[in-house]
Amino acid sequence: MTSKLKSKIFNLVLTAIITVVFVYILLSQVNIEDIIEITVKVSPLYVLLGFLAYMLFNLFRAMRFKSLLNGKLTLRDLTLVSLVHGMFLNILPSRAGELSFIYLVKKKNISTGEGISTLLI
């Protein structure tokens, strides 16, 4: 195993440990019963409005990507890419989710260079 690979593995493990510690600290400050109570009391209208706002945000993001890619992909494809990209951004640490955009557009026959430049712009 090369030292560069060992360094990457160490950084990944360290990031995971730090994430787990922070999540533990945050969750230890919150009463689970309070979260359940608030969740049950929330108005379905607010949940629906939040969902619509989230979908609208992703639709606009997909429109921006479509413009940057000069219409090479459909709005439907780019909306799906935007939703998956957003999910990975929220799940993976250290903005590693950004790589998902490059991977997803590459699967749609967009070059890696175009994916990177679109993401950077």
PDB file of N, CA and C in Angstrom:
ATOM      1  N   MET A   1       0.849  -1.172   0.000  1.00  0.00           N
ATOM      2  CA  MET A   1       0.000   0.000   0.000  1.00  0.00           C
ATOM      3  C   MET A   1       0.899   1.241   0.000  1.00  0.00           C
ATOM      4  N   THR A   2       0.641   2.164  -0.894  1.00  0.00           N
ATOM      5  CA  THR A   2       1.482   3.352  -0.991  1.00  0.00           C
ATOM      6  C   THR A   2       1.149   4.325   0.133  1.00  0.00           C
ATOM      7  N   SER A   3       2.076   5.218   0.384  1.00  0.00           N
ATOM      8  CA  SER A   3       1.863   6.192   1.470  1.00  0.00           C
ATOM      9  C   SER A   3       0.734   7.169   1.126  1.00  0.00           C
ATOM     10  N   LYS A   4       0.552   7.448  -0.165  1.00  0.00           N
ATOM     11  CA  LYS A   4      -0.533   8.348  -0.574  1.00  0.00           C
ATOM     12  C   LYS A   4      -1.893   7.706  -0.284  1.00  0.00           C
ATOM     13  N   LEU A   5      -2.013   6.408  -0.567  1.00  0.00           N
ATOM     14  CA  LEU A   5      -3.251   5.695  -0.300  1.00  0.00           C
ATOM     15  C   LEU A   5      -3.494   5.600   1.203  1.00  0.00           C
ATOM     16  N   LYS A   6      -2.440   5.341   1.967  1.00  0.00           N
ATOM     17  CA  LYS A   6      -2.564   5.291   3.428  1.00  0.00           C
ATOM     18  C   LYS A   6      -3.034   6.635   3.976  1.00  0.00           C
ATOM     19  N   SER A   7      -2.505   7.712   3.413  1.00  0.00           N
ATOM     20  CA  SER A   7      -2.886   9.052   3.839  1.00  0.00           C
ATOM     21  C   SER A   7      -4.365   9.319   3.547  1.00  0.00           C
ATOM     22  N   LYS A   8      -4.832   8.897   2.364  1.00  0.00           N
ATOM     23  CA  LYS A   8      -6.234   9.091   2.005  1.00  0.00           C
ATOM     24  C   LYS A   8      -7.149   8.285   2.923  1.00  0.00           C
ATOM     25  N   ILE A   9      -6.759   7.052   3.212  1.00  0.00           N
ATOM     26  CA  ILE A   9      -7.554   6.211   4.105  1.00  0.00           C
ATOM     27  C   ILE A   9      -7.588   6.823   5.500  1.00  0.00           C
ATOM     28  N   PHE A  10      -6.438   7.297   5.978  1.00  0.00           N
ATOM     29  CA  PHE A  10      -6.373   7.932   7.294  1.00  0.00           C
ATOM     30  C   PHE A  10      -7.294   9.146   7.341  1.00  0.00           C
ATOM     31  N   ASN A  11      -7.249   9.988   6.304  1.00  0.00           N
ATOM     32  CA  ASN A  11      -8.105  11.177   6.257  1.00  0.00           C
ATOM     33  C   ASN A  11      -9.583  10.800   6.248  1.00  0.00           C
ATOM     34  N   LEU A  12      -9.925   9.756   5.508  1.00  0.00           N
ATOM     35  CA  LEU A  12     -11.310   9.305   5.444  1.00  0.00           C
ATOM     36  C   LEU A  12     -11.782   8.801   6.810  1.00  0.00           C
ATOM     37  N   VAL A  13     -10.956   7.995   7.463  1.00  0.00           N
ATOM     38  CA  VAL A  13     -11.306   7.463   8.785  1.00  0.00           C
ATOM     39  C   VAL A  13     -11.404   8.605   9.797  1.00  0.00           C
ATOM     40  N   LEU A  14     -10.465   9.535   9.753  1.00  0.00           N
ATOM     41  CA  LEU A  14     -10.488  10.676  10.662  1.00  0.00           C
ATOM     42  C   LEU A  14     -11.748  11.517  10.465  1.00  0.00           C
ATOM     43  N   THR A  15     -12.118  11.756   9.217  1.00  0.00           N
ATOM     44  CA  THR A  15     -13.328  12.513   8.909  1.00  0.00           C
ATOM     45  C   THR A  15     -14.563  11.790   9.442  1.00  0.00           C
ATOM     46  N   ALA A  16     -14.605  10.471   9.264  1.00  0.00           N
ATOM     47  CA  ALA A  16     -15.746   9.690   9.755  1.00  0.00           C
ATOM     48  C   ALA A  16     -15.834   9.758  11.274  1.00  0.00           C
ATOM     49  N   ILE A  17     -14.698   9.655  11.949  1.00  0.00           N
ATOM     50  CA  ILE A  17     -14.686   9.711  13.414  1.00  0.00           C
ATOM     51  C   ILE A  17     -15.164  11.079  13.906  1.00  0.00           C
ATOM     52  N   ILE A  18     -14.652  12.133  13.291  1.00  0.00           N
ATOM     53  CA  ILE A  18     -15.063  13.486  13.680  1.00  0.00           C
ATOM     54  C   ILE A  18     -16.557  13.671  13.452  1.00  0.00           C
ATOM     55  N   THR A  19     -17.074  13.177  12.338  1.00  0.00           N
ATOM     56  CA  THR A  19     -18.497  13.284  12.040  1.00  0.00           C
ATOM     57  C   THR A  19     -19.328  12.559  13.088  1.00  0.00           C
ATOM     58  N   VAL A  20     -18.922  11.338  13.430  1.00  0.00           N
ATOM     59  CA  VAL A  20     -19.656  10.564  14.433  1.00  0.00           C
ATOM     60  C   VAL A  20     -19.640  11.275  15.786  1.00  0.00           C
ATOM     61  N   VAL A  21     -18.498  11.833  16.161  1.00  0.00           N
ATOM     62  CA  VAL A  21     -18.398  12.548  17.442  1.00  0.00           C
ATOM     63  C   VAL A  21     -19.320  13.755  17.452  1.00  0.00           C
ATOM     64  N   PHE A  22     -19.316  14.541  16.383  1.00  0.00           N
ATOM     65  CA  PHE A  22     -20.184  15.720  16.323  1.00  0.00           C
ATOM     66  C   PHE A  22     -21.664  15.334  16.332  1.00  0.00           C
ATOM     67  N   VAL A  23     -22.021  14.296  15.606  1.00  0.00           N
ATOM     68  CA  VAL A  23     -23.416  13.850  15.608  1.00  0.00           C
ATOM     69  C   VAL A  23     -23.817  13.391  17.006  1.00  0.00           C
ATOM     70  N   TYR A  24     -22.939  12.662  17.681  1.00  0.00           N
ATOM     71  CA  TYR A  24     -23.223  12.216  19.048  1.00  0.00           C
ATOM     72  C   TYR A  24     -23.424  13.421  19.982  1.00  0.00           C
ATOM     73  N   ILE A  25     -22.529  14.394  19.877  1.00  0.00           N
ATOM     74  CA  ILE A  25     -22.634  15.586  20.731  1.00  0.00           C
ATOM     75  C   ILE A  25     -23.948  16.323  20.459  1.00  0.00           C
ATOM     76  N   LEU A  26     -24.287  16.500  19.199  1.00  0.00           N
ATOM     77  CA  LEU A  26     -25.522  17.207  18.856  1.00  0.00           C
ATOM     78  C   LEU A  26     -26.758  16.441  19.320  1.00  0.00           C
ATOM     79  N   LEU A  27     -26.760  15.130  19.096  1.00  0.00           N
ATOM     80  CA  LEU A  27     -27.920  14.344  19.495  1.00  0.00           C
ATOM     81  C   LEU A  27     -28.045  14.225  21.010  1.00  0.00           C
ATOM     82  N   SER A  28     -26.925  14.308  21.725  1.00  0.00           N
ATOM     83  CA  SER A  28     -27.005  14.239  23.184  1.00  0.00           C
ATOM     84  C   SER A  28     -27.612  15.514  23.776  1.00  0.00           C
ATOM     85  N   GLN A  29     -27.655  16.585  22.997  1.00  0.00           N
ATOM     86  CA  GLN A  29     -28.225  17.847  23.450  1.00  0.00           C
ATOM     87  C   GLN A  29     -29.717  17.957  23.157  1.00  0.00           C
ATOM     88  N   VAL A  30     -30.268  16.976  22.447  1.00  0.00           N
ATOM     89  CA  VAL A  30     -31.654  17.045  21.995  1.00  0.00           C
ATOM     90  C   VAL A  30     -32.449  15.911  22.650  1.00  0.00           C
ATOM     91  N   ASN A  31     -33.643  16.241  23.054  1.00  0.00           N
ATOM     92  CA  ASN A  31     -34.550  15.240  23.611  1.00  0.00           C
ATOM     93  C   ASN A  31     -35.357  14.641  22.447  1.00  0.00           C
ATOM     94  N   ILE A  32     -35.258  13.333  22.236  1.00  0.00           N
ATOM     95  CA  ILE A  32     -35.925  12.671  21.120  1.00  0.00           C
ATOM     96  C   ILE A  32     -37.447  12.853  21.193  1.00  0.00           C
ATOM     97  N   GLU A  33     -37.992  12.836  22.404  1.00  0.00           N
ATOM     98  CA  GLU A  33     -39.438  13.021  22.554  1.00  0.00           C
ATOM     99  C   GLU A  33     -39.879  14.387  22.030  1.00  0.00           C
ATOM    100  N   ASP A  34     -39.049  15.403  22.236  1.00  0.00           N
ATOM    101  CA  ASP A  34     -39.366  16.743  21.716  1.00  0.00           C
ATOM    102  C   ASP A  34     -39.401  16.745  20.195  1.00  0.00           C
ATOM    103  N   ILE A  35     -38.465  16.053  19.582  1.00  0.00           N
ATOM    104  CA  ILE A  35     -38.427  15.988  18.114  1.00  0.00           C
ATOM    105  C   ILE A  35     -39.676  15.295  17.593  1.00  0.00           C
ATOM    106  N   ILE A  36     -40.059  14.192  18.223  1.00  0.00           N
ATOM    107  CA  ILE A  36     -41.258  13.464  17.791  1.00  0.00           C
ATOM    108  C   ILE A  36     -42.494  14.338  17.971  1.00  0.00           C
ATOM    109  N   GLU A  37     -42.586  15.029  19.094  1.00  0.00           N
ATOM    110  CA  GLU A  37     -43.737  15.888  19.372  1.00  0.00           C
ATOM    111  C   GLU A  37     -43.857  17.017  18.346  1.00  0.00           C
ATOM    112  N   ILE A  38     -42.760  17.643  18.037  1.00  0.00           N
ATOM    113  CA  ILE A  38     -42.769  18.732  17.057  1.00  0.00           C
ATOM    114  C   ILE A  38     -43.120  18.204  15.674  1.00  0.00           C
ATOM    115  N   THR A  39     -42.575  17.046  15.314  1.00  0.00           N
ATOM    116  CA  THR A  39     -42.840  16.454  14.005  1.00  0.00           C
ATOM    117  C   THR A  39     -44.316  16.116  13.847  1.00  0.00           C
ATOM    118  N   VAL A  40     -44.930  15.599  14.890  1.00  0.00           N
ATOM    119  CA  VAL A  40     -46.344  15.240  14.831  1.00  0.00           C
ATOM    120  C   VAL A  40     -47.213  16.496  14.721  1.00  0.00           C
ATOM    121  N   LYS A  41     -46.797  17.584  15.359  1.00  0.00           N
ATOM    122  CA  LYS A  41     -47.606  18.808  15.381  1.00  0.00           C
ATOM    123  C   LYS A  41     -47.476  19.659  14.120  1.00  0.00           C
ATOM    124  N   VAL A  42     -46.486  19.369  13.289  1.00  0.00           N
ATOM    125  CA  VAL A  42     -46.257  20.217  12.116  1.00  0.00           C
ATOM    126  C   VAL A  42     -47.429  20.091  11.142  1.00  0.00           C
ATOM    127  N   SER A  43     -47.826  21.205  10.598  1.00  0.00           N
ATOM    128  CA  SER A  43     -48.952  21.246   9.663  1.00  0.00           C
ATOM    129  C   SER A  43     -48.549  20.595   8.336  1.00  0.00           C
ATOM    130  N   PRO A  44     -49.416  19.729   7.801  1.00  0.00           N
ATOM    131  CA  PRO A  44     -49.131  19.122   6.493  1.00  0.00           C
ATOM    132  C   PRO A  44     -48.963  20.178   5.396  1.00  0.00           C
ATOM    133  N   LEU A  45     -49.609  21.312   5.553  1.00  0.00           N
ATOM    134  CA  LEU A  45     -49.463  22.388   4.568  1.00  0.00           C
ATOM    135  C   LEU A  45     -48.012  22.868   4.509  1.00  0.00           C
ATOM    136  N   TYR A  46     -47.384  23.018   5.675  1.00  0.00           N
ATOM    137  CA  TYR A  46     -45.981  23.450   5.704  1.00  0.00           C
ATOM    138  C   TYR A  46     -45.052  22.396   5.106  1.00  0.00           C
ATOM    139  N   VAL A  47     -45.361  21.139   5.334  1.00  0.00           N
ATOM    140  CA  VAL A  47     -44.568  20.058   4.740  1.00  0.00           C
ATOM    141  C   VAL A  47     -44.694  20.108   3.217  1.00  0.00           C
ATOM    142  N   LEU A  48     -45.909  20.294   2.729  1.00  0.00           N
ATOM    143  CA  LEU A  48     -46.151  20.380   1.289  1.00  0.00           C
ATOM    144  C   LEU A  48     -45.445  21.599   0.692  1.00  0.00           C
ATOM    145  N   LEU A  49     -45.547  22.744   1.355  1.00  0.00           N
ATOM    146  CA  LEU A  49     -44.883  23.955   0.855  1.00  0.00           C
ATOM    147  C   LEU A  49     -43.366  23.783   0.842  1.00  0.00           C
ATOM    148  N   GLY A  50     -42.823  23.149   1.865  1.00  0.00           N
ATOM    149  CA  GLY A  50     -41.387  22.884   1.900  1.00  0.00           C
ATOM    150  C   GLY A  50     -40.962  21.964   0.775  1.00  0.00           C
ATOM    151  N   PHE A  51     -41.755  20.927   0.526  1.00  0.00           N
ATOM    152  CA  PHE A  51     -41.455  19.998  -0.561  1.00  0.00           C
ATOM    153  C   PHE A  51     -41.500  20.704  -1.912  1.00  0.00           C
ATOM    154  N   LEU A  52     -42.532  21.523  -2.122  1.00  0.00           N
ATOM    155  CA  LEU A  52     -42.646  22.257  -3.389  1.00  0.00           C
ATOM    156  C   LEU A  52     -41.484  23.223  -3.583  1.00  0.00           C
ATOM    157  N   ALA A  53     -41.084  23.906  -2.511  1.00  0.00           N
ATOM    158  CA  ALA A  53     -39.946  24.822  -2.607  1.00  0.00           C
ATOM    159  C   ALA A  53     -38.672  24.051  -2.948  1.00  0.00           C
ATOM    160  N   TYR A  54     -38.475  22.891  -2.325  1.00  0.00           N
ATOM    161  CA  TYR A  54     -37.299  22.067  -2.603  1.00  0.00           C
ATOM    162  C   TYR A  54     -37.282  21.608  -4.055  1.00  0.00           C
ATOM    163  N   MET A  55     -38.427  21.178  -4.563  1.00  0.00           N
ATOM    164  CA  MET A  55     -38.500  20.721  -5.950  1.00  0.00           C
ATOM    165  C   MET A  55     -38.277  21.886  -6.918  1.00  0.00           C
ATOM    166  N   LEU A  56     -38.819  23.053  -6.589  1.00  0.00           N
ATOM    167  CA  LEU A  56     -38.623  24.231  -7.427  1.00  0.00           C
ATOM    168  C   LEU A  56     -37.148  24.622  -7.468  1.00  0.00           C
ATOM    169  N   PHE A  57     -36.487  24.574  -6.310  1.00  0.00           N
ATOM    170  CA  PHE A  57     -35.054  24.856  -6.238  1.00  0.00           C
ATOM    171  C   PHE A  57     -34.274  23.913  -7.146  1.00  0.00           C
ATOM    172  N   ASN A  58     -34.596  22.625  -7.108  1.00  0.00           N
ATOM    173  CA  ASN A  58     -33.889  21.651  -7.940  1.00  0.00           C
ATOM    174  C   ASN A  58     -34.226  21.816  -9.417  1.00  0.00           C
ATOM    175  N   LEU A  59     -35.441  22.238  -9.720  1.00  0.00           N
ATOM    176  CA  LEU A  59     -35.801  22.507 -11.109  1.00  0.00           C
ATOM    177  C   LEU A  59     -34.983  23.679 -11.654  1.00  0.00           C
ATOM    178  N   PHE A  60     -34.848  24.740 -10.860  1.00  0.00           N
ATOM    179  CA  PHE A  60     -34.030  25.883 -11.293  1.00  0.00           C
ATOM    180  C   PHE A  60     -32.559  25.486 -11.430  1.00  0.00           C
ATOM    181  N   ARG A  61     -32.083  24.653 -10.531  1.00  0.00           N
ATOM    182  CA  ARG A  61     -30.700  24.174 -10.636  1.00  0.00           C
ATOM    183  C   ARG A  61     -30.525  23.366 -11.928  1.00  0.00           C
ATOM    184  N   ALA A  62     -31.501  22.525 -12.251  1.00  0.00           N
ATOM    185  CA  ALA A  62     -31.442  21.735 -13.482  1.00  0.00           C
ATOM    186  C   ALA A  62     -31.477  22.642 -14.715  1.00  0.00           C
ATOM    187  N   MET A  63     -32.290  23.703 -14.649  1.00  0.00           N
ATOM    188  CA  MET A  63     -32.335  24.651 -15.768  1.00  0.00           C
ATOM    189  C   MET A  63     -30.978  25.344 -15.945  1.00  0.00           C
ATOM    190  N   ARG A  64     -30.323  25.671 -14.835  1.00  0.00           N
ATOM    191  CA  ARG A  64     -28.995  26.286 -14.910  1.00  0.00           C
ATOM    192  C   ARG A  64     -27.995  25.318 -15.538  1.00  0.00           C
ATOM    193  N   PHE A  65     -28.027  24.054 -15.100  1.00  0.00           N
ATOM    194  CA  PHE A  65     -27.126  23.055 -15.675  1.00  0.00           C
ATOM    195  C   PHE A  65     -27.416  22.858 -17.168  1.00  0.00           C
ATOM    196  N   LYS A  66     -28.688  22.859 -17.540  1.00  0.00           N
ATOM    197  CA  LYS A  66     -29.041  22.690 -18.953  1.00  0.00           C
ATOM    198  C   LYS A  66     -28.471  23.827 -19.786  1.00  0.00           C
ATOM    199  N   SER A  67     -28.571  25.035 -19.260  1.00  0.00           N
ATOM    200  CA  SER A  67     -28.024  26.188 -19.965  1.00  0.00           C
ATOM    201  C   SER A  67     -26.503  26.083 -20.101  1.00  0.00           C
ATOM    202  N   LEU A  68     -25.851  25.665 -19.027  1.00  0.00           N
ATOM    203  CA  LEU A  68     -24.390  25.546 -19.061  1.00  0.00           C
ATOM    204  C   LEU A  68     -23.924  24.421 -19.972  1.00  0.00           C
ATOM    205  N   LEU A  69     -24.750  23.391 -20.135  1.00  0.00           N
ATOM    206  CA  LEU A  69     -24.397  22.273 -21.014  1.00  0.00           C
ATOM    207  C   LEU A  69     -24.942  22.468 -22.433  1.00  0.00           C
ATOM    208  N   ASN A  70     -25.418  23.659 -22.737  1.00  0.00           N
ATOM    209  CA  ASN A  70     -25.934  24.013 -24.067  1.00  0.00           C
ATOM    210  C   ASN A  70     -27.036  23.062 -24.536  1.00  0.00           C
ATOM    211  N   GLY A  71     -27.887  22.625 -23.619  1.00  0.00           N
ATOM    212  CA  GLY A  71     -29.033  21.799 -23.984  1.00  0.00           C
ATOM    213  C   GLY A  71     -28.700  20.383 -24.393  1.00  0.00           C
ATOM    214  N   LYS A  72     -27.516  19.881 -24.030  1.00  0.00           N
ATOM    215  CA  LYS A  72     -27.127  18.520 -24.426  1.00  0.00           C
ATOM    216  C   LYS A  72     -27.921  17.439 -23.705  1.00  0.00           C
ATOM    217  N   LEU A  73     -28.507  17.785 -22.553  1.00  0.00           N
ATOM    218  CA  LEU A  73     -29.349  16.850 -21.808  1.00  0.00           C
ATOM    219  C   LEU A  73     -30.723  17.478 -21.608  1.00  0.00           C
ATOM    220  N   THR A  74     -31.717  16.623 -21.465  1.00  0.00           N
ATOM    221  CA  THR A  74     -33.074  17.132 -21.260  1.00  0.00           C
ATOM    222  C   THR A  74     -33.222  17.667 -19.839  1.00  0.00           C
ATOM    223  N   LEU A  75     -34.232  18.498 -19.661  1.00  0.00           N
ATOM    224  CA  LEU A  75     -34.508  19.052 -18.341  1.00  0.00           C
ATOM    225  C   LEU A  75     -34.874  17.934 -17.358  1.00  0.00           C
ATOM    226  N   ARG A  76     -35.568  16.925 -17.852  1.00  0.00           N
ATOM    227  CA  ARG A  76     -35.941  15.791 -16.991  1.00  0.00           C
ATOM    228  C   ARG A  76     -34.693  15.079 -16.489  1.00  0.00           C
ATOM    229  N   ASP A  77     -33.762  14.779 -17.384  1.00  0.00           N
ATOM    230  CA  ASP A  77     -32.516  14.111 -16.982  1.00  0.00           C
ATOM    231  C   ASP A  77     -31.737  14.952 -15.979  1.00  0.00           C
ATOM    232  N   LEU A  78     -31.642  16.241 -16.250  1.00  0.00           N
ATOM    233  CA  LEU A  78     -30.877  17.104 -15.362  1.00  0.00           C
ATOM    234  C   LEU A  78     -31.569  17.341 -14.022  1.00  0.00           C
ATOM    235  N   THR A  79     -32.894  17.263 -13.995  1.00  0.00           N
ATOM    236  CA  THR A  79     -33.600  17.363 -12.710  1.00  0.00           C
ATOM    237  C   THR A  79     -33.272  16.143 -11.856  1.00  0.00           C
ATOM    238  N   LEU A  80     -33.262  14.972 -12.456  1.00  0.00           N
ATOM    239  CA  LEU A  80     -32.890  13.756 -11.721  1.00  0.00           C
ATOM    240  C   LEU A  80     -31.441  13.831 -11.247  1.00  0.00           C
ATOM    241  N   VAL A  81     -30.559  14.308 -12.112  1.00  0.00           N
ATOM    242  CA  VAL A  81     -29.153  14.476 -11.732  1.00  0.00           C
ATOM    243  C   VAL A  81     -29.047  15.451 -10.565  1.00  0.00           C
ATOM    244  N   SER A  82     -29.793  16.543 -10.627  1.00  0.00           N
ATOM    245  CA  SER A  82     -29.764  17.554  -9.573  1.00  0.00           C
ATOM    246  C   SER A  82     -30.252  16.990  -8.240  1.00  0.00           C
ATOM    247  N   LEU A  83     -31.305  16.180  -8.269  1.00  0.00           N
ATOM    248  CA  LEU A  83     -31.829  15.585  -7.042  1.00  0.00           C
ATOM    249  C   LEU A  83     -30.832  14.608  -6.416  1.00  0.00           C
ATOM    250  N   VAL A  84     -30.243  13.759  -7.241  1.00  0.00           N
ATOM    251  CA  VAL A  84     -29.264  12.787  -6.725  1.00  0.00           C
ATOM    252  C   VAL A  84     -28.012  13.512  -6.245  1.00  0.00           C
ATOM    253  N   HIS A  85     -27.582  14.499  -6.999  1.00  0.00           N
ATOM    254  CA  HIS A  85     -26.418  15.302  -6.621  1.00  0.00           C
ATOM    255  C   HIS A  85     -26.645  15.973  -5.272  1.00  0.00           C
ATOM    256  N   GLY A  86     -27.820  16.543  -5.080  1.00  0.00           N
ATOM    257  CA  GLY A  86     -28.147  17.174  -3.804  1.00  0.00           C
ATOM    258  C   GLY A  86     -28.145  16.180  -2.654  1.00  0.00           C
ATOM    259  N   MET A  87     -28.643  14.972  -2.911  1.00  0.00           N
ATOM    260  CA  MET A  87     -28.648  13.944  -1.870  1.00  0.00           C
ATOM    261  C   MET A  87     -27.221  13.606  -1.449  1.00  0.00           C
ATOM    262  N   PHE A  88     -26.342  13.402  -2.429  1.00  0.00           N
ATOM    263  CA  PHE A  88     -24.957  13.073  -2.104  1.00  0.00           C
ATOM    264  C   PHE A  88     -24.244  14.229  -1.410  1.00  0.00           C
ATOM    265  N   LEU A  89     -24.594  15.455  -1.768  1.00  0.00           N
ATOM    266  CA  LEU A  89     -24.004  16.608  -1.084  1.00  0.00           C
ATOM    267  C   LEU A  89     -24.344  16.604   0.397  1.00  0.00           C
ATOM    268  N   ASN A  90     -25.571  16.185   0.707  1.00  0.00           N
ATOM    269  CA  ASN A  90     -26.004  16.154   2.097  1.00  0.00           C
ATOM    270  C   ASN A  90     -25.480  14.950   2.865  1.00  0.00           C
ATOM    271  N   ILE A  91     -25.187  13.872   2.179  1.00  0.00           N
ATOM    272  CA  ILE A  91     -24.764  12.644   2.855  1.00  0.00           C
ATOM    273  C   ILE A  91     -23.253  12.573   3.046  1.00  0.00           C
ATOM    274  N   LEU A  92     -22.508  12.886   2.008  1.00  0.00           N
ATOM    275  CA  LEU A  92     -21.055  12.695   2.053  1.00  0.00           C
ATOM    276  C   LEU A  92     -20.340  13.879   2.706  1.00  0.00           C
ATOM    277  N   PRO A  93     -19.295  13.611   3.462  1.00  0.00           N
ATOM    278  CA  PRO A  93     -18.557  14.699   4.124  1.00  0.00           C
ATOM    279  C   PRO A  93     -17.627  15.435   3.163  1.00  0.00           C
ATOM    280  N   SER A  94     -17.211  16.600   3.577  1.00  0.00           N
ATOM    281  CA  SER A  94     -16.183  17.402   2.883  1.00  0.00           C
ATOM    282  C   SER A  94     -16.525  17.695   1.424  1.00  0.00           C
ATOM    283  N   ARG A  95     -17.782  17.920   1.145  1.00  0.00           N
ATOM    284  CA  ARG A  95     -18.240  18.257  -0.210  1.00  0.00           C
ATOM    285  C   ARG A  95     -17.873  17.189  -1.241  1.00  0.00           C
ATOM    286  N   ALA A  96     -17.655  15.958  -0.793  1.00  0.00           N
ATOM    287  CA  ALA A  96     -17.336  14.866  -1.720  1.00  0.00           C
ATOM    288  C   ALA A  96     -18.507  14.580  -2.654  1.00  0.00           C
ATOM    289  N   GLY A  97     -19.699  15.002  -2.270  1.00  0.00           N
ATOM    290  CA  GLY A  97     -20.875  14.803  -3.103  1.00  0.00           C
ATOM    291  C   GLY A  97     -20.809  15.528  -4.435  1.00  0.00           C
ATOM    292  N   GLU A  98     -19.934  16.519  -4.528  1.00  0.00           N
ATOM    293  CA  GLU A  98     -19.775  17.240  -5.806  1.00  0.00           C
ATOM    294  C   GLU A  98     -19.331  16.293  -6.921  1.00  0.00           C
ATOM    295  N   LEU A  99     -18.582  15.265  -6.555  1.00  0.00           N
ATOM    296  CA  LEU A  99     -18.112  14.307  -7.563  1.00  0.00           C
ATOM    297  C   LEU A  99     -19.270  13.537  -8.186  1.00  0.00           C
ATOM    298  N   SER A 100     -20.385  13.434  -7.473  1.00  0.00           N
ATOM    299  CA  SER A 100     -21.532  12.708  -8.008  1.00  0.00           C
ATOM    300  C   SER A 100     -22.067  13.381  -9.270  1.00  0.00           C
ATOM    301  N   PHE A 101     -22.013  14.702  -9.332  1.00  0.00           N
ATOM    302  CA  PHE A 101     -22.494  15.396 -10.531  1.00  0.00           C
ATOM    303  C   PHE A 101     -21.675  14.985 -11.743  1.00  0.00           C
ATOM    304  N   ILE A 102     -20.368  14.986 -11.589  1.00  0.00           N
ATOM    305  CA  ILE A 102     -19.485  14.620 -12.702  1.00  0.00           C
ATOM    306  C   ILE A 102     -19.765  13.190 -13.145  1.00  0.00           C
ATOM    307  N   TYR A 103     -19.920  12.288 -12.175  1.00  0.00           N
ATOM    308  CA  TYR A 103     -20.195  10.885 -12.484  1.00  0.00           C
ATOM    309  C   TYR A 103     -21.547  10.735 -13.184  1.00  0.00           C
ATOM    310  N   LEU A 104     -22.573  11.416 -12.689  1.00  0.00           N
ATOM    311  CA  LEU A 104     -23.912  11.264 -13.254  1.00  0.00           C
ATOM    312  C   LEU A 104     -24.017  11.820 -14.670  1.00  0.00           C
ATOM    313  N   VAL A 105     -23.393  12.960 -14.945  1.00  0.00           N
ATOM    314  CA  VAL A 105     -23.467  13.488 -16.315  1.00  0.00           C
ATOM    315  C   VAL A 105     -22.587  12.686 -17.255  1.00  0.00           C
ATOM    316  N   LYS A 106     -21.523  12.080 -16.729  1.00  0.00           N
ATOM    317  CA  LYS A 106     -20.692  11.205 -17.571  1.00  0.00           C
ATOM    318  C   LYS A 106     -21.501   9.987 -18.025  1.00  0.00           C
ATOM    319  N   LYS A 107     -22.367   9.489 -17.143  1.00  0.00           N
ATOM    320  CA  LYS A 107     -23.234   8.371 -17.520  1.00  0.00           C
ATOM    321  C   LYS A 107     -24.225   8.771 -18.610  1.00  0.00           C
ATOM    322  N   LYS A 108     -24.451  10.067 -18.771  1.00  0.00           N
ATOM    323  CA  LYS A 108     -25.364  10.588 -19.803  1.00  0.00           C
ATOM    324  C   LYS A 108     -24.585  11.050 -21.034  1.00  0.00           C
ATOM    325  N   ASN A 109     -23.359  10.568 -21.189  1.00  0.00           N
ATOM    326  CA  ASN A 109     -22.490  10.849 -22.349  1.00  0.00           C
ATOM    327  C   ASN A 109     -22.024  12.298 -22.426  1.00  0.00           C
ATOM    328  N   ILE A 110     -21.775  12.906 -21.280  1.00  0.00           N
ATOM    329  CA  ILE A 110     -21.144  14.224 -21.218  1.00  0.00           C
ATOM    330  C   ILE A 110     -19.723  13.980 -20.738  1.00  0.00           C
ATOM    331  N   SER A 111     -18.740  14.597 -21.385  1.00  0.00           N
ATOM    332  CA  SER A 111     -17.348  14.344 -21.030  1.00  0.00           C
ATOM    333  C   SER A 111     -17.045  14.800 -19.601  1.00  0.00           C
ATOM    334  N   THR A 112     -16.028  14.180 -19.038  1.00  0.00           N
ATOM    335  CA  THR A 112     -15.616  14.530 -17.677  1.00  0.00           C
ATOM    336  C   THR A 112     -15.230  16.001 -17.599  1.00  0.00           C
ATOM    337  N   GLY A 113     -14.535  16.490 -18.599  1.00  0.00           N
ATOM    338  CA  GLY A 113     -14.118  17.889 -18.620  1.00  0.00           C
ATOM    339  C   GLY A 113     -15.305  18.841 -18.617  1.00  0.00           C
ATOM    340  N   GLU A 114     -16.321  18.498 -19.425  1.00  0.00           N
ATOM    341  CA  GLU A 114     -17.529  19.338 -19.457  1.00  0.00           C
ATOM    342  C   GLU A 114     -18.262  19.285 -18.122  1.00  0.00           C
ATOM    343  N   GLY A 115     -18.294  18.102 -17.514  1.00  0.00           N
ATOM    344  CA  GLY A 115     -18.935  17.974 -16.201  1.00  0.00           C
ATOM    345  C   GLY A 115     -18.246  18.803 -15.147  1.00  0.00           C
ATOM    346  N   ILE A 116     -16.915  18.759 -15.152  1.00  0.00           N
ATOM    347  CA  ILE A 116     -16.142  19.532 -14.170  1.00  0.00           C
ATOM    348  C   ILE A 116     -16.328  21.016 -14.400  1.00  0.00           C
ATOM    349  N   SER A 117     -16.229  21.448 -15.650  1.00  0.00           N
ATOM    350  CA  SER A 117     -16.357  22.875 -15.931  1.00  0.00           C
ATOM    351  C   SER A 117     -17.770  23.387 -15.625  1.00  0.00           C
ATOM    352  N   THR A 118     -18.783  22.583 -15.917  1.00  0.00           N
ATOM    353  CA  THR A 118     -20.161  22.976 -15.591  1.00  0.00           C
ATOM    354  C   THR A 118     -20.338  23.115 -14.098  1.00  0.00           C
ATOM    355  N   LEU A 119     -19.777  22.192 -13.360  1.00  0.00           N
ATOM    356  CA  LEU A 119     -19.891  22.236 -11.904  1.00  0.00           C
ATOM    357  C   LEU A 119     -19.155  23.443 -11.328  1.00  0.00           C
ATOM    358  N   LEU A 120     -17.983  23.738 -11.870  1.00  0.00           N
ATOM    359  CA  LEU A 120     -17.199  24.850 -11.362  1.00  0.00           C
ATOM    360  C   LEU A 120     -17.841  26.200 -11.666  1.00  0.00           C
ATOM    361  N   ILE A 121     -18.468  26.291 -12.831  1.00  0.00           N
ATOM    362  CA  ILE A 121     -19.108  27.558 -13.202  1.00  0.00           C
ATOM    363  C   ILE A 121     -20.343  27.747 -12.365  1.00  0.00           C
TER     364      ILE A 121
END
